[in-house]
């Protein structure tokens, strides 16, 4: 049975919660190996994007891209 990208993303986030921050990197590597073994490695980018979007939605963080007519100085860019 093939899972949807959203289902994989939820599984990845659940895995991170279960193992904790210290072991999340190793668990993530194992997740990637498992996805590749299932022949669905091409979905990995989308899985991570959906997982990141879910984390942003839960935390209330909003990403913003600002385009200006002229290049802003370093201080303005930092702000």
Protein backbone atom coordinates (compact mmCIF):
# COMPACT_ATOMS: atom_id res chain seq x y z
CA UNK A 1 0.00 0.00 0.00
CA UNK A 2 1.35 3.41 -1.00
CA UNK A 3 0.95 6.29 1.40
CA UNK A 4 0.19 9.87 0.41
CA UNK A 5 2.80 12.59 0.76
CA UNK A 6 0.83 14.05 3.68
CA UNK A 7 0.78 10.66 5.43
CA UNK A 8 4.54 10.34 5.01
CA UNK A 9 5.02 13.89 6.37
CA UNK A 10 2.90 13.11 9.44
CA UNK A 11 4.89 9.90 9.99
CA UNK A 12 8.16 11.84 9.76
CA UNK A 13 6.97 14.42 12.31
CA UNK A 14 5.67 11.70 14.64
CA UNK A 15 9.01 9.93 14.39
CA UNK A 16 10.82 13.10 15.41
CA UNK A 17 8.52 13.53 18.43
CA UNK A 18 9.06 9.94 19.54
CA UNK A 19 12.85 9.88 19.39
CA UNK A 20 13.51 13.41 20.63
CA UNK A 21 15.79 16.09 19.28
CA UNK A 22 19.05 14.30 19.99
CA UNK A 23 18.25 11.25 17.89
CA UNK A 24 16.11 12.97 15.23
CA UNK A 25 18.98 13.23 12.73
CA UNK A 26 19.67 9.49 12.81
CA UNK A 27 15.95 8.69 12.66
CA UNK A 28 15.63 11.02 9.66
CA UNK A 29 18.41 9.16 7.86
CA UNK A 30 16.65 5.86 8.50
CA UNK A 31 13.39 7.36 7.23
CA UNK A 32 15.11 8.40 3.98
CA UNK A 33 16.58 4.91 3.55
CA UNK A 34 13.14 3.38 4.17
CA UNK A 35 11.48 5.70 1.62
CA UNK A 36 14.15 4.86 -0.96
CA UNK A 37 13.80 1.15 -0.29
CA UNK A 38 10.08 1.46 -1.04
CA UNK A 39 10.96 3.07 -4.38
CA UNK A 40 9.45 6.42 -3.44
CA UNK A 41 12.60 8.47 -2.96
CA UNK A 42 11.48 10.98 -5.59
CA UNK A 43 8.71 12.06 -3.17
CA UNK A 44 11.16 13.02 -0.42
CA UNK A 45 11.37 16.72 -1.34
CA UNK A 46 7.60 17.06 -1.27
CA UNK A 47 7.36 15.10 1.99
CA UNK A 48 9.82 17.44 3.70
CA UNK A 49 8.06 20.52 2.27
CA UNK A 50 4.67 19.34 3.60
CA UNK A 51 6.22 18.53 6.99
CA UNK A 52 7.83 21.98 7.18
CA UNK A 53 4.55 23.64 6.20
CA UNK A 54 2.75 21.71 8.92
CA UNK A 55 5.29 22.79 11.53
CA UNK A 56 4.98 26.44 10.45
CA UNK A 57 1.17 26.27 10.62
CA UNK A 58 1.26 24.77 14.12
CA UNK A 59 3.77 27.29 15.42
CA UNK A 60 2.11 30.32 13.83
CA UNK A 61 5.25 31.27 11.88
CA UNK A 62 4.64 32.94 8.53
CA UNK A 63 7.30 33.16 5.82
CA UNK A 64 7.48 36.42 3.88
CA UNK A 65 9.39 37.32 0.73
CA UNK A 66 9.88 41.02 0.05
CA UNK A 67 10.94 42.35 -3.34
CA UNK A 68 12.23 45.91 -3.67
CA UNK A 69 12.99 48.06 -6.70
CA UNK A 70 16.49 48.83 -5.37
CA UNK A 71 18.84 46.72 -3.31
CA UNK A 72 18.44 47.49 0.39
CA UNK A 73 21.40 48.02 2.71
CA UNK A 74 22.46 45.29 5.17
CA UNK A 75 20.60 46.71 8.19
CA UNK A 76 17.35 47.01 6.26
CA UNK A 77 17.73 43.48 4.90
CA UNK A 78 18.29 42.14 8.41
CA UNK A 79 15.14 43.86 9.67
